[in-house]
Amino acid sequence: MATSLADLSKVPPKQKFVLVLLVCVMICAGYYYLFYNETAVMITKQEAALASLNSKIKEQEVIARNLPSFQAEVRRLEEQLGVLLEQLPNSAEIPNLLRNVSDLGKESGLEFLRFAPKEESRKEFYAEIPVAISVLGDHHSFALFADKVAHLPRIVNISNIDFLSPKTSPEGNVQVNITCTATTYRFLEQPPKAPEGGGNKDADKGKTK
């Protein structure tokens, strides 16, 4: 070691500077590849994760600021849904509703020639119940009937209106054979779900007895 240091002292200053610089470069390169590079990659990943979290935090802040308006909108939609569901009669109310429609026609001065409920058509949560109607009367009486039906508390739509065979009554009034379809709607109640495994357990008990 003494000889090496003695030999090093004989090295010209310029070569000493180059040697020291080379050693420093090697130390820096070793530090970069052994420590800094891996740390830099970890820092980059953490910065990306932090940016993602900050973005989510901003989104949640926007939602939190708008939460009262969202809740108010949900309440409003729930109230509208409740009103609409109240306008959909259940199975027990259908006969009375159809009777009311028929009575309104008679009160309006129409003579019913046909009043025939058809097979209901099921949708997602409600069923359509169309009724084929044929009446005899004037245009004013039918317009009065349609207006009364429109003001029923339950939903009844009149469609496919057709005016046929005008006739003159003995009193001189022009009467028309009018056909149409009155459609009401029935709310389909979902059957309650049976508890899982309940029926099977009872069956198993019966088998073991």
N, C-alpha and C. Protein backbone atom coordinates (compact mmCIF):
# COMPACT_ATOMS: atom_id res chain seq x y z
N MET A 1 0.84 -1.21 0.00
CA MET A 1 0.00 0.00 0.00
C MET A 1 0.86 1.24 0.00
N ALA A 2 1.99 1.20 0.81
CA ALA A 2 2.91 2.35 0.86
C ALA A 2 3.50 2.60 -0.49
N THR A 3 3.86 1.49 -1.21
CA THR A 3 4.45 1.64 -2.54
C THR A 3 3.45 2.23 -3.50
N SER A 4 2.22 1.81 -3.40
CA SER A 4 1.17 2.31 -4.29
C SER A 4 0.96 3.79 -4.06
N LEU A 5 0.95 4.23 -2.78
CA LEU A 5 0.76 5.65 -2.49
C LEU A 5 1.95 6.45 -2.97
N ALA A 6 3.14 5.84 -2.83
CA ALA A 6 4.35 6.53 -3.30
C ALA A 6 4.30 6.68 -4.80
N ASP A 7 3.87 5.59 -5.46
CA ASP A 7 3.75 5.68 -6.92
C ASP A 7 2.70 6.70 -7.31
N LEU A 8 1.61 6.79 -6.55
CA LEU A 8 0.54 7.74 -6.86
C LEU A 8 1.00 9.18 -6.71
N SER A 9 1.93 9.39 -5.76
CA SER A 9 2.43 10.75 -5.57
C SER A 9 3.29 11.21 -6.72
N LYS A 10 3.82 10.23 -7.47
CA LYS A 10 4.64 10.58 -8.63
C LYS A 10 3.84 10.86 -9.88
N VAL A 11 2.51 10.58 -9.82
CA VAL A 11 1.66 10.80 -11.01
C VAL A 11 1.50 12.30 -11.23
N PRO A 12 1.61 12.74 -12.47
CA PRO A 12 1.44 14.17 -12.78
C PRO A 12 0.06 14.65 -12.35
N PRO A 13 -0.05 15.94 -12.04
CA PRO A 13 -1.33 16.50 -11.57
C PRO A 13 -2.48 16.28 -12.54
N LYS A 14 -2.22 16.44 -13.84
CA LYS A 14 -3.31 16.26 -14.81
C LYS A 14 -3.87 14.85 -14.78
N GLN A 15 -2.99 13.88 -14.67
CA GLN A 15 -3.45 12.49 -14.62
C GLN A 15 -4.18 12.21 -13.30
N LYS A 16 -3.68 12.86 -12.21
CA LYS A 16 -4.39 12.69 -10.94
C LYS A 16 -5.83 13.21 -11.06
N PHE A 17 -5.98 14.36 -11.72
CA PHE A 17 -7.31 14.96 -11.88
C PHE A 17 -8.23 14.04 -12.69
N VAL A 18 -7.66 13.49 -13.79
CA VAL A 18 -8.46 12.57 -14.62
C VAL A 18 -8.82 11.32 -13.83
N LEU A 19 -7.86 10.82 -13.04
CA LEU A 19 -8.13 9.62 -12.25
C LEU A 19 -9.22 9.88 -11.21
N VAL A 20 -9.13 11.03 -10.54
CA VAL A 20 -10.14 11.37 -9.53
C VAL A 20 -11.50 11.54 -10.18
N LEU A 21 -11.51 12.20 -11.34
CA LEU A 21 -12.78 12.39 -12.06
C LEU A 21 -13.38 11.06 -12.47
N LEU A 22 -12.54 10.14 -12.92
CA LEU A 22 -13.03 8.82 -13.32
C LEU A 22 -13.62 8.06 -12.14
N VAL A 23 -12.95 8.17 -10.99
CA VAL A 23 -13.46 7.51 -9.79
C VAL A 23 -14.81 8.09 -9.39
N CYS A 24 -14.92 9.43 -9.49
CA CYS A 24 -16.19 10.08 -9.14
C CYS A 24 -17.32 9.65 -10.07
N VAL A 25 -16.97 9.54 -11.36
CA VAL A 25 -17.99 9.10 -12.33
C VAL A 25 -18.43 7.67 -12.02
N MET A 26 -17.48 6.80 -11.69
CA MET A 26 -17.82 5.42 -11.38
C MET A 26 -18.69 5.35 -10.13
N ILE A 27 -18.38 6.20 -9.12
CA ILE A 27 -19.17 6.20 -7.89
C ILE A 27 -20.59 6.68 -8.18
N CYS A 28 -20.70 7.75 -9.00
CA CYS A 28 -22.03 8.29 -9.34
C CYS A 28 -22.84 7.28 -10.15
N ALA A 29 -22.17 6.61 -11.09
CA ALA A 29 -22.87 5.62 -11.91
C ALA A 29 -23.36 4.46 -11.05
N GLY A 30 -22.48 4.01 -10.13
CA GLY A 30 -22.89 2.93 -9.25
C GLY A 30 -24.05 3.33 -8.37
N TYR A 31 -23.99 4.56 -7.85
CA TYR A 31 -25.10 5.04 -7.01
C TYR A 31 -26.39 5.11 -7.80
N TYR A 32 -26.32 5.60 -9.06
CA TYR A 32 -27.53 5.75 -9.90
C TYR A 32 -28.18 4.39 -10.16
N TYR A 33 -27.36 3.44 -10.60
CA TYR A 33 -27.92 2.13 -10.96
C TYR A 33 -28.31 1.30 -9.74
N LEU A 34 -27.60 1.49 -8.64
CA LEU A 34 -27.90 0.67 -7.46
C LEU A 34 -29.00 1.26 -6.58
N PHE A 35 -29.11 2.60 -6.53
CA PHE A 35 -30.03 3.22 -5.58
C PHE A 35 -31.01 4.20 -6.26
N TYR A 36 -30.47 5.18 -6.96
CA TYR A 36 -31.31 6.27 -7.46
C TYR A 36 -32.33 5.80 -8.49
N ASN A 37 -31.90 4.93 -9.43
CA ASN A 37 -32.81 4.50 -10.51
C ASN A 37 -34.06 3.82 -9.94
N GLU A 38 -33.86 2.88 -9.01
CA GLU A 38 -35.00 2.18 -8.42
C GLU A 38 -35.89 3.14 -7.62
N THR A 39 -35.26 4.05 -6.90
CA THR A 39 -36.03 5.03 -6.14
C THR A 39 -36.82 5.95 -7.06
N ALA A 40 -36.20 6.34 -8.19
CA ALA A 40 -36.88 7.23 -9.14
C ALA A 40 -38.11 6.55 -9.73
N VAL A 41 -37.97 5.24 -10.03
CA VAL A 41 -39.12 4.50 -10.56
C VAL A 41 -40.24 4.45 -9.53
N MET A 42 -39.88 4.20 -8.28
CA MET A 42 -40.88 4.15 -7.21
C MET A 42 -41.56 5.52 -7.04
N ILE A 43 -40.76 6.57 -7.13
CA ILE A 43 -41.31 7.93 -6.98
C ILE A 43 -42.29 8.22 -8.12
N THR A 44 -41.94 7.81 -9.34
CA THR A 44 -42.82 8.03 -10.50
C THR A 44 -44.15 7.30 -10.30
N LYS A 45 -44.07 6.05 -9.83
CA LYS A 45 -45.31 5.29 -9.59
C LYS A 45 -46.16 5.95 -8.51
N GLN A 46 -45.50 6.40 -7.43
CA GLN A 46 -46.23 7.03 -6.34
C GLN A 46 -46.86 8.35 -6.79
N GLU A 47 -46.16 9.09 -7.65
CA GLU A 47 -46.71 10.34 -8.16
C GLU A 47 -47.94 10.07 -9.03
N ALA A 48 -47.89 8.99 -9.85
CA ALA A 48 -49.04 8.63 -10.68
C ALA A 48 -50.23 8.22 -9.81
N ALA A 49 -49.93 7.43 -8.75
CA ALA A 49 -51.00 7.03 -7.84
C ALA A 49 -51.58 8.23 -7.11
N LEU A 50 -50.72 9.17 -6.73
CA LEU A 50 -51.18 10.37 -6.04
C LEU A 50 -52.07 11.21 -6.96
N ALA A 51 -51.66 11.32 -8.24
CA ALA A 51 -52.47 12.08 -9.20
C ALA A 51 -53.84 11.44 -9.38
N SER A 52 -53.88 10.09 -9.42
CA SER A 52 -55.15 9.38 -9.55
C SER A 52 -56.03 9.61 -8.33
N LEU A 53 -55.43 9.57 -7.14
CA LEU A 53 -56.20 9.81 -5.91
C LEU A 53 -56.72 11.24 -5.86
N ASN A 54 -55.88 12.19 -6.29
CA ASN A 54 -56.33 13.59 -6.31
C ASN A 54 -57.51 13.77 -7.25
N SER A 55 -57.46 13.07 -8.41
CA SER A 55 -58.56 13.15 -9.36
C SER A 55 -59.85 12.59 -8.75
N LYS A 56 -59.73 11.43 -8.06
CA LYS A 56 -60.90 10.84 -7.42
C LYS A 56 -61.43 11.73 -6.31
N ILE A 57 -60.52 12.36 -5.57
CA ILE A 57 -60.94 13.26 -4.50
C ILE A 57 -61.73 14.43 -5.06
N LYS A 58 -61.27 14.97 -6.20
CA LYS A 58 -61.99 16.09 -6.82
C LYS A 58 -63.36 15.63 -7.30
N GLU A 59 -63.44 14.41 -7.87
CA GLU A 59 -64.74 13.89 -8.30
C GLU A 59 -65.69 13.74 -7.11
N GLN A 60 -65.17 13.20 -6.01
CA GLN A 60 -66.00 13.04 -4.81
C GLN A 60 -66.42 14.39 -4.24
N GLU A 61 -65.53 15.38 -4.33
CA GLU A 61 -65.89 16.71 -3.86
C GLU A 61 -67.02 17.30 -4.68
N VAL A 62 -66.97 17.08 -6.00
CA VAL A 62 -68.05 17.57 -6.87
C VAL A 62 -69.36 16.88 -6.52
N ILE A 63 -69.28 15.53 -6.31
CA ILE A 63 -70.49 14.78 -5.94
C ILE A 63 -71.03 15.26 -4.60
N ALA A 64 -70.11 15.49 -3.65
CA ALA A 64 -70.54 15.94 -2.32
C ALA A 64 -71.22 17.30 -2.41
N ARG A 65 -70.69 18.20 -3.26
CA ARG A 65 -71.32 19.52 -3.39
C ARG A 65 -72.70 19.41 -4.02
N ASN A 66 -72.86 18.45 -4.96
CA ASN A 66 -74.14 18.29 -5.65
C ASN A 66 -75.07 17.28 -4.98
N LEU A 67 -74.62 16.69 -3.88
CA LEU A 67 -75.42 15.65 -3.23
C LEU A 67 -76.81 16.13 -2.83
N PRO A 68 -76.96 17.32 -2.22
CA PRO A 68 -78.32 17.76 -1.87
C PRO A 68 -79.25 17.84 -3.07
N SER A 69 -78.75 18.35 -4.20
CA SER A 69 -79.61 18.44 -5.39
C SER A 69 -79.92 17.05 -5.93
N PHE A 70 -78.93 16.12 -5.86
CA PHE A 70 -79.19 14.75 -6.29
C PHE A 70 -80.27 14.11 -5.42
N GLN A 71 -80.16 14.30 -4.11
CA GLN A 71 -81.15 13.72 -3.19
C GLN A 71 -82.54 14.31 -3.43
N ALA A 72 -82.59 15.63 -3.69
CA ALA A 72 -83.88 16.26 -3.97
C ALA A 72 -84.48 15.70 -5.26
N GLU A 73 -83.63 15.46 -6.26
CA GLU A 73 -84.12 14.91 -7.53
C GLU A 73 -84.64 13.49 -7.34
N VAL A 74 -83.93 12.70 -6.52
CA VAL A 74 -84.38 11.33 -6.24
C VAL A 74 -85.73 11.35 -5.54
N ARG A 75 -85.89 12.25 -4.56
CA ARG A 75 -87.18 12.35 -3.86
C ARG A 75 -88.29 12.76 -4.82
N ARG A 76 -87.97 13.70 -5.74
CA ARG A 76 -88.98 14.14 -6.69
C ARG A 76 -89.40 13.00 -7.61
N LEU A 77 -88.42 12.22 -8.08
CA LEU A 77 -88.73 11.08 -8.96
C LEU A 77 -89.52 10.01 -8.21
N GLU A 78 -89.17 9.79 -6.94
CA GLU A 78 -89.92 8.81 -6.15
C GLU A 78 -91.36 9.25 -5.95
N GLU A 79 -91.56 10.57 -5.74
CA GLU A 79 -92.92 11.07 -5.60
C GLU A 79 -93.71 10.91 -6.89
N GLN A 80 -93.04 11.20 -8.03
CA GLN A 80 -93.71 11.03 -9.33
C GLN A 80 -94.06 9.56 -9.57
N LEU A 81 -93.13 8.67 -9.19
CA LEU A 81 -93.41 7.25 -9.36
C LEU A 81 -94.59 6.83 -8.50
N GLY A 82 -94.65 7.35 -7.26
CA GLY A 82 -95.78 7.02 -6.39
C GLY A 82 -97.10 7.48 -6.97
N VAL A 83 -97.11 8.69 -7.56
CA VAL A 83 -98.34 9.21 -8.18
C VAL A 83 -98.75 8.33 -9.35
N LEU A 84 -97.76 7.94 -10.18
CA LEU A 84 -98.08 7.10 -11.33
C LEU A 84 -98.59 5.73 -10.90
N LEU A 85 -97.97 5.17 -9.85
CA LEU A 85 -98.42 3.85 -9.38
C LEU A 85 -99.83 3.93 -8.82
N GLU A 86 -100.18 5.07 -8.21
CA GLU A 86 -101.54 5.23 -7.70
C GLU A 86 -102.57 5.27 -8.83
N GLN A 87 -102.11 5.68 -10.02
CA GLN A 87 -103.01 5.77 -11.16
C GLN A 87 -103.14 4.43 -11.88
N LEU A 88 -102.36 3.44 -11.46
CA LEU A 88 -102.48 2.11 -12.05
C LEU A 88 -103.33 1.24 -11.14
N PRO A 89 -104.52 0.88 -11.55
CA PRO A 89 -105.38 0.07 -10.67
C PRO A 89 -104.84 -1.34 -10.52
N ASN A 90 -105.19 -1.97 -9.40
CA ASN A 90 -104.82 -3.37 -9.23
C ASN A 90 -105.93 -4.25 -9.81
N SER A 91 -105.76 -5.54 -9.70
CA SER A 91 -106.71 -6.48 -10.33
C SER A 91 -108.12 -6.30 -9.79
N ALA A 92 -108.24 -6.04 -8.48
CA ALA A 92 -109.55 -5.95 -7.88
C ALA A 92 -110.31 -4.71 -8.35
N GLU A 93 -109.59 -3.69 -8.79
CA GLU A 93 -110.23 -2.44 -9.19
C GLU A 93 -110.64 -2.40 -10.66
N ILE A 94 -110.13 -3.31 -11.46
CA ILE A 94 -110.38 -3.27 -12.90
C ILE A 94 -111.88 -3.34 -13.23
N PRO A 95 -112.65 -4.28 -12.69
CA PRO A 95 -114.09 -4.34 -13.04
C PRO A 95 -114.82 -3.04 -12.73
N ASN A 96 -114.57 -2.45 -11.56
CA ASN A 96 -115.22 -1.19 -11.21
C ASN A 96 -114.80 -0.07 -12.15
N LEU A 97 -113.51 -0.05 -12.53
CA LEU A 97 -113.03 0.98 -13.44
C LEU A 97 -113.73 0.87 -14.79
N LEU A 98 -113.83 -0.34 -15.32
CA LEU A 98 -114.49 -0.53 -16.61
C LEU A 98 -115.97 -0.17 -16.51
N ARG A 99 -116.58 -0.47 -15.38
CA ARG A 99 -117.99 -0.11 -15.19
C ARG A 99 -118.14 1.41 -15.18
N ASN A 100 -117.18 2.10 -14.56
CA ASN A 100 -117.22 3.56 -14.54
C ASN A 100 -117.11 4.14 -15.94
N VAL A 101 -116.24 3.54 -16.76
CA VAL A 101 -116.09 4.00 -18.14
C VAL A 101 -117.40 3.84 -18.89
N SER A 102 -118.05 2.70 -18.71
CA SER A 102 -119.33 2.46 -19.37
C SER A 102 -120.39 3.46 -18.88
N ASP A 103 -120.43 3.71 -17.58
CA ASP A 103 -121.41 4.66 -17.03
C ASP A 103 -121.17 6.07 -17.56
N LEU A 104 -119.91 6.45 -17.72
CA LEU A 104 -119.61 7.79 -18.24
C LEU A 104 -120.12 7.93 -19.67
N GLY A 105 -120.00 6.83 -20.45
CA GLY A 105 -120.51 6.89 -21.82
C GLY A 105 -122.01 7.07 -21.85
N LYS A 106 -122.72 6.36 -20.99
CA LYS A 106 -124.18 6.47 -20.95
C LYS A 106 -124.59 7.87 -20.46
N GLU A 107 -123.85 8.39 -19.46
CA GLU A 107 -124.15 9.73 -18.96
C GLU A 107 -123.93 10.78 -20.04
N SER A 108 -123.03 10.52 -20.95
CA SER A 108 -122.73 11.47 -22.01
C SER A 108 -123.71 11.37 -23.18
N GLY A 109 -124.64 10.42 -23.12
CA GLY A 109 -125.64 10.30 -24.17
C GLY A 109 -125.29 9.29 -25.24
N LEU A 110 -124.37 8.38 -24.96
CA LEU A 110 -123.98 7.36 -25.93
C LEU A 110 -124.72 6.07 -25.67
N GLU A 111 -125.02 5.37 -26.72
CA GLU A 111 -125.63 4.04 -26.63
C GLU A 111 -124.54 3.02 -26.95
N PHE A 112 -124.26 2.14 -26.00
CA PHE A 112 -123.20 1.17 -26.19
C PHE A 112 -123.70 -0.01 -27.02
N LEU A 113 -123.00 -0.27 -28.11
CA LEU A 113 -123.28 -1.43 -28.94
C LEU A 113 -122.33 -2.58 -28.62
N ARG A 114 -121.14 -2.21 -28.15
CA ARG A 114 -120.15 -3.24 -27.81
C ARG A 114 -119.23 -2.69 -26.74
N PHE A 115 -118.93 -3.52 -25.76
CA PHE A 115 -117.98 -3.18 -24.70
C PHE A 115 -117.29 -4.47 -24.31
N ALA A 116 -116.16 -4.78 -24.97
CA ALA A 116 -115.54 -6.10 -24.84
C ALA A 116 -114.07 -5.97 -24.41
N PRO A 117 -113.77 -6.24 -23.13
CA PRO A 117 -112.36 -6.27 -22.70
C PRO A 117 -111.61 -7.37 -23.44
N LYS A 118 -110.38 -7.04 -23.87
CA LYS A 118 -109.54 -8.01 -24.57
C LYS A 118 -108.47 -8.56 -23.62
N GLU A 119 -107.70 -9.50 -24.14
CA GLU A 119 -106.65 -10.11 -23.32
C GLU A 119 -105.58 -9.07 -22.99
N GLU A 120 -105.15 -9.04 -21.74
CA GLU A 120 -104.17 -8.05 -21.32
C GLU A 120 -102.80 -8.36 -21.90
N SER A 121 -102.01 -7.31 -22.06
CA SER A 121 -100.65 -7.43 -22.58
C SER A 121 -99.68 -7.01 -21.49
N ARG A 122 -98.83 -7.93 -21.05
CA ARG A 122 -97.93 -7.68 -19.92
C ARG A 122 -96.64 -7.02 -20.38
N LYS A 123 -96.25 -6.00 -19.63
CA LYS A 123 -94.99 -5.31 -19.84
C LYS A 123 -94.07 -5.63 -18.66
N GLU A 124 -93.09 -4.73 -18.41
CA GLU A 124 -92.10 -5.02 -17.36
C GLU A 124 -92.72 -5.01 -15.96
N PHE A 125 -93.47 -3.95 -15.61
CA PHE A 125 -94.05 -3.88 -14.28
C PHE A 125 -95.54 -3.53 -14.32
N TYR A 126 -96.12 -3.53 -15.51
CA TYR A 126 -97.54 -3.25 -15.63
C TYR A 126 -98.12 -4.04 -16.79
N ALA A 127 -99.44 -4.09 -16.85
CA ALA A 127 -100.13 -4.80 -17.93
C ALA A 127 -101.13 -3.85 -18.57
N GLU A 128 -101.22 -3.89 -19.90
CA GLU A 128 -102.21 -3.11 -20.63
C GLU A 128 -103.49 -3.93 -20.78
N ILE A 129 -104.62 -3.30 -20.52
CA ILE A 129 -105.91 -3.99 -20.65
C ILE A 129 -106.76 -3.20 -21.65
N PRO A 130 -106.77 -3.62 -22.91
CA PRO A 130 -107.56 -2.89 -23.91
C PRO A 130 -109.02 -3.35 -23.90
N VAL A 131 -109.91 -2.42 -24.20
CA VAL A 131 -111.35 -2.70 -24.26
C VAL A 131 -111.86 -2.18 -25.60
N ALA A 132 -112.43 -3.07 -26.41
CA ALA A 132 -113.02 -2.67 -27.69
C ALA A 132 -114.39 -2.08 -27.42
N ILE A 133 -114.61 -0.85 -27.91
CA ILE A 133 -115.86 -0.13 -27.65
C ILE A 133 -116.50 0.26 -28.98
N SER A 134 -117.81 0.08 -29.05
CA SER A 134 -118.59 0.56 -30.19
C SER A 134 -119.83 1.23 -29.62
N VAL A 135 -120.04 2.50 -29.97
CA VAL A 135 -121.16 3.26 -29.43
C VAL A 135 -121.90 3.96 -30.56
N LEU A 136 -123.10 4.38 -30.23
CA LEU A 136 -123.92 5.13 -31.16
C LEU A 136 -124.26 6.47 -30.53
N GLY A 137 -123.95 7.56 -31.21
CA GLY A 137 -124.21 8.87 -30.66
C GLY A 137 -123.68 9.95 -31.57
N ASP A 138 -123.77 11.19 -31.13
CA ASP A 138 -123.25 12.28 -31.96
C ASP A 138 -121.83 12.63 -31.53
N HIS A 139 -121.20 13.50 -32.31
CA HIS A 139 -119.80 13.85 -32.05
C HIS A 139 -119.65 14.56 -30.71
N HIS A 140 -120.60 15.40 -30.36
CA HIS A 140 -120.51 16.15 -29.10
C HIS A 140 -120.56 15.20 -27.90
N SER A 141 -121.44 14.21 -27.96
CA SER A 141 -121.56 13.25 -26.86
C SER A 141 -120.28 12.44 -26.71
N PHE A 142 -119.69 12.05 -27.82
CA PHE A 142 -118.45 11.28 -27.73
C PHE A 142 -117.31 12.14 -27.20
N ALA A 143 -117.24 13.41 -27.62
CA ALA A 143 -116.19 14.31 -27.10
C ALA A 143 -116.37 14.51 -25.60
N LEU A 144 -117.61 14.61 -25.13
CA LEU A 144 -117.88 14.74 -23.70
C LEU A 144 -117.44 13.49 -22.95
N PHE A 145 -117.73 12.33 -23.53
CA PHE A 145 -117.33 11.05 -22.94
C PHE A 145 -115.81 10.95 -22.84
N ALA A 146 -115.10 11.30 -23.91
CA ALA A 146 -113.63 11.23 -23.91
C ALA A 146 -113.05 12.17 -22.87
N ASP A 147 -113.66 13.36 -22.71
CA ASP A 147 -113.16 14.32 -21.71
C ASP A 147 -113.36 13.78 -20.30
N LYS A 148 -114.48 13.16 -20.03
CA LYS A 148 -114.73 12.60 -18.70
C LYS A 148 -113.76 11.45 -18.40
N VAL A 149 -113.50 10.62 -19.40
CA VAL A 149 -112.56 9.51 -19.21
C VAL A 149 -111.16 10.04 -18.91
N ALA A 150 -110.78 11.13 -19.61
CA ALA A 150 -109.45 11.71 -19.40
C ALA A 150 -109.28 12.25 -17.98
N HIS A 151 -110.38 12.61 -17.32
CA HIS A 151 -110.30 13.17 -15.97
C HIS A 151 -110.51 12.12 -14.88
N LEU A 152 -110.56 10.85 -15.26
CA LEU A 152 -110.65 9.80 -14.24
C LEU A 152 -109.36 9.76 -13.42
N PRO A 153 -109.44 9.39 -12.13
CA PRO A 153 -108.22 9.31 -11.33
C PRO A 153 -107.28 8.20 -11.79
N ARG A 154 -107.82 7.21 -12.48
CA ARG A 154 -107.00 6.13 -13.03
C ARG A 154 -106.72 6.40 -14.51
N ILE A 155 -105.61 5.87 -15.00
CA ILE A 155 -105.22 6.12 -16.38
C ILE A 155 -106.07 5.27 -17.31
N VAL A 156 -106.77 5.94 -18.24
CA VAL A 156 -107.51 5.27 -19.30
C VAL A 156 -107.28 6.08 -20.58
N ASN A 157 -106.69 5.45 -21.58
CA ASN A 157 -106.41 6.12 -22.84
C ASN A 157 -107.40 5.66 -23.91
N ILE A 158 -107.94 6.60 -24.66
CA ILE A 158 -108.85 6.28 -25.76
C ILE A 158 -108.07 6.45 -27.06
N SER A 159 -108.06 5.41 -27.88
CA SER A 159 -107.30 5.45 -29.13
C SER A 159 -108.08 4.71 -30.23
N ASN A 160 -107.50 4.72 -31.43
CA ASN A 160 -108.09 4.03 -32.60
C ASN A 160 -109.55 4.43 -32.81
N ILE A 161 -109.80 5.74 -32.74
CA ILE A 161 -111.18 6.24 -32.89
C ILE A 161 -111.56 6.23 -34.37
N ASP A 162 -112.73 5.71 -34.66
CA ASP A 162 -113.20 5.64 -36.05
C ASP A 162 -114.69 5.96 -36.08
N PHE A 163 -115.10 6.87 -36.97
CA PHE A 163 -116.50 7.27 -37.12
C PHE A 163 -117.09 6.57 -38.34
N LEU A 164 -118.16 5.80 -38.13
CA LEU A 164 -118.75 4.99 -39.20
C LEU A 164 -120.26 5.22 -39.27
N SER A 165 -120.79 4.99 -40.44
CA SER A 165 -122.23 4.88 -40.67
C SER A 165 -123.06 5.94 -39.96
N PRO A 166 -123.01 7.21 -40.40
CA PRO A 166 -123.89 8.21 -39.79
C PRO A 166 -125.36 7.91 -40.08
N LYS A 167 -126.19 8.10 -39.05
CA LYS A 167 -127.62 7.84 -39.19
C LYS A 167 -128.39 9.03 -38.62
N THR A 168 -129.58 9.23 -39.13
CA THR A 168 -130.45 10.30 -38.63
C THR A 168 -131.54 9.69 -37.76
N SER A 169 -131.63 10.17 -36.51
CA SER A 169 -132.62 9.65 -35.59
C SER A 169 -134.00 10.23 -35.94
N PRO A 170 -135.07 9.61 -35.39
CA PRO A 170 -136.41 10.15 -35.64
C PRO A 170 -136.55 11.61 -35.23
N GLU A 171 -135.76 12.07 -34.30
CA GLU A 171 -135.82 13.46 -33.87
C GLU A 171 -135.04 14.38 -34.80
N GLY A 172 -134.39 13.80 -35.79
CA GLY A 172 -133.62 14.60 -36.74
C GLY A 172 -132.17 14.79 -36.36
N ASN A 173 -131.70 14.14 -35.30
CA ASN A 173 -130.30 14.24 -34.89
C ASN A 173 -129.45 13.24 -35.66
N VAL A 174 -128.26 13.67 -36.05
CA VAL A 174 -127.35 12.79 -36.76
C VAL A 174 -126.55 11.98 -35.73
N GLN A 175 -126.66 10.68 -35.79
CA GLN A 175 -125.92 9.80 -34.89
C GLN A 175 -124.91 9.00 -35.70
N VAL A 176 -123.78 8.77 -35.08
CA VAL A 176 -122.67 8.09 -35.75
C VAL A 176 -122.28 6.86 -34.96
N ASN A 177 -121.99 5.80 -35.69
CA ASN A 177 -121.45 4.60 -35.06
C ASN A 177 -119.95 4.82 -34.87
N ILE A 178 -119.53 4.90 -33.61
CA ILE A 178 -118.13 5.23 -33.29
C ILE A 178 -117.48 4.02 -32.64
N THR A 179 -116.34 3.63 -33.16
CA THR A 179 -115.56 2.54 -32.56
C THR A 179 -114.25 3.11 -32.04
N CYS A 180 -113.77 2.56 -30.95
CA CYS A 180 -112.50 3.00 -30.38
C CYS A 180 -111.99 1.92 -29.45
N THR A 181 -110.81 2.15 -28.93
CA THR A 181 -110.21 1.25 -27.94
C THR A 181 -109.87 2.05 -26.69
N ALA A 182 -110.42 1.63 -25.57
CA ALA A 182 -110.09 2.25 -24.28
C ALA A 182 -109.09 1.33 -23.56
N THR A 183 -107.91 1.85 -23.27
CA THR A 183 -106.86 1.04 -22.65
C THR A 183 -106.57 1.54 -21.25
N THR A 184 -106.68 0.65 -20.29
CA THR A 184 -106.26 0.97 -18.93
C THR A 184 -105.05 0.09 -18.59
N TYR A 185 -104.49 0.33 -17.44
CA TYR A 185 -103.23 -0.33 -17.08
C TYR A 185 -103.32 -0.87 -15.67
N ARG A 186 -102.71 -2.02 -15.48
CA ARG A 186 -102.72 -2.68 -14.17
C ARG A 186 -101.30 -2.88 -13.69
N PHE A 187 -101.05 -2.50 -12.45
CA PHE A 187 -99.74 -2.68 -11.87
C PHE A 187 -99.52 -4.15 -11.53
N LEU A 188 -98.38 -4.69 -11.98
CA LEU A 188 -98.06 -6.09 -11.70
C LEU A 188 -97.28 -6.18 -10.40
N GLU A 189 -97.90 -6.71 -9.39
CA GLU A 189 -97.23 -6.87 -8.11
C GLU A 189 -96.26 -8.04 -8.17
N GLN A 190 -95.04 -7.81 -7.69
CA GLN A 190 -94.04 -8.86 -7.69
C GLN A 190 -94.30 -9.82 -6.54
N PRO A 191 -94.31 -11.14 -6.79
CA PRO A 191 -94.53 -12.10 -5.71
C PRO A 191 -93.39 -12.07 -4.71
N PRO A 192 -93.66 -12.21 -3.43
CA PRO A 192 -92.58 -12.21 -2.43
C PRO A 192 -91.65 -13.40 -2.64
N LYS A 193 -90.37 -13.14 -2.44
CA LYS A 193 -89.38 -14.20 -2.61
C LYS A 193 -89.43 -15.17 -1.44
N ALA A 194 -89.46 -16.45 -1.75
CA ALA A 194 -89.45 -17.47 -0.70
C ALA A 194 -88.07 -17.54 -0.08
N PRO A 195 -87.97 -17.74 1.23
CA PRO A 195 -86.65 -17.85 1.86
C PRO A 195 -85.87 -19.01 1.28
N GLU A 196 -84.60 -18.76 1.06
CA GLU A 196 -83.75 -19.77 0.43
C GLU A 196 -83.66 -21.01 1.31
N GLY A 197 -83.95 -22.16 0.69
CA GLY A 197 -83.81 -23.43 1.39
C GLY A 197 -84.93 -23.75 2.32
N GLY A 198 -85.94 -22.81 2.44
CA GLY A 198 -87.03 -23.06 3.39
C GLY A 198 -87.87 -24.24 2.99
N GLY A 199 -88.28 -24.26 1.69
CA GLY A 199 -89.13 -25.35 1.23
C GLY A 199 -88.42 -26.68 1.23
N ASN A 200 -87.15 -26.65 0.92
CA ASN A 200 -86.40 -27.91 0.87
C ASN A 200 -86.27 -28.53 2.26
N LYS A 201 -86.10 -27.64 3.28
CA LYS A 201 -85.96 -28.17 4.63
C LYS A 201 -87.24 -28.86 5.08
N ASP A 202 -88.40 -28.23 4.76
CA ASP A 202 -89.67 -28.84 5.15
C ASP A 202 -89.85 -30.17 4.44
N ALA A 203 -89.45 -30.20 3.15
CA ALA A 203 -89.59 -31.44 2.40
C ALA A 203 -88.71 -32.54 3.00
N ASP A 204 -87.48 -32.11 3.40
CA ASP A 204 -86.57 -33.09 3.98
C ASP A 204 -87.13 -33.63 5.29
N LYS A 205 -87.77 -32.73 6.08
CA LYS A 205 -88.34 -33.19 7.34
C LYS A 205 -89.45 -34.20 7.08
N GLY A 206 -90.26 -33.93 6.02
CA GLY A 206 -91.33 -34.85 5.71
C GLY A 206 -90.81 -36.22 5.30
N LYS A 207 -89.68 -36.20 4.61
CA LYS A 207 -89.12 -37.48 4.14
C LYS A 207 -88.58 -38.29 5.31
N THR A 208 -88.03 -37.59 6.33
CA THR A 208 -87.41 -38.33 7.42
C THR A 208 -88.41 -38.87 8.40
N LYS A 209 -89.67 -38.31 8.40
CA LYS A 209 -90.66 -38.79 9.33
C LYS A 209 -91.20 -40.15 8.92
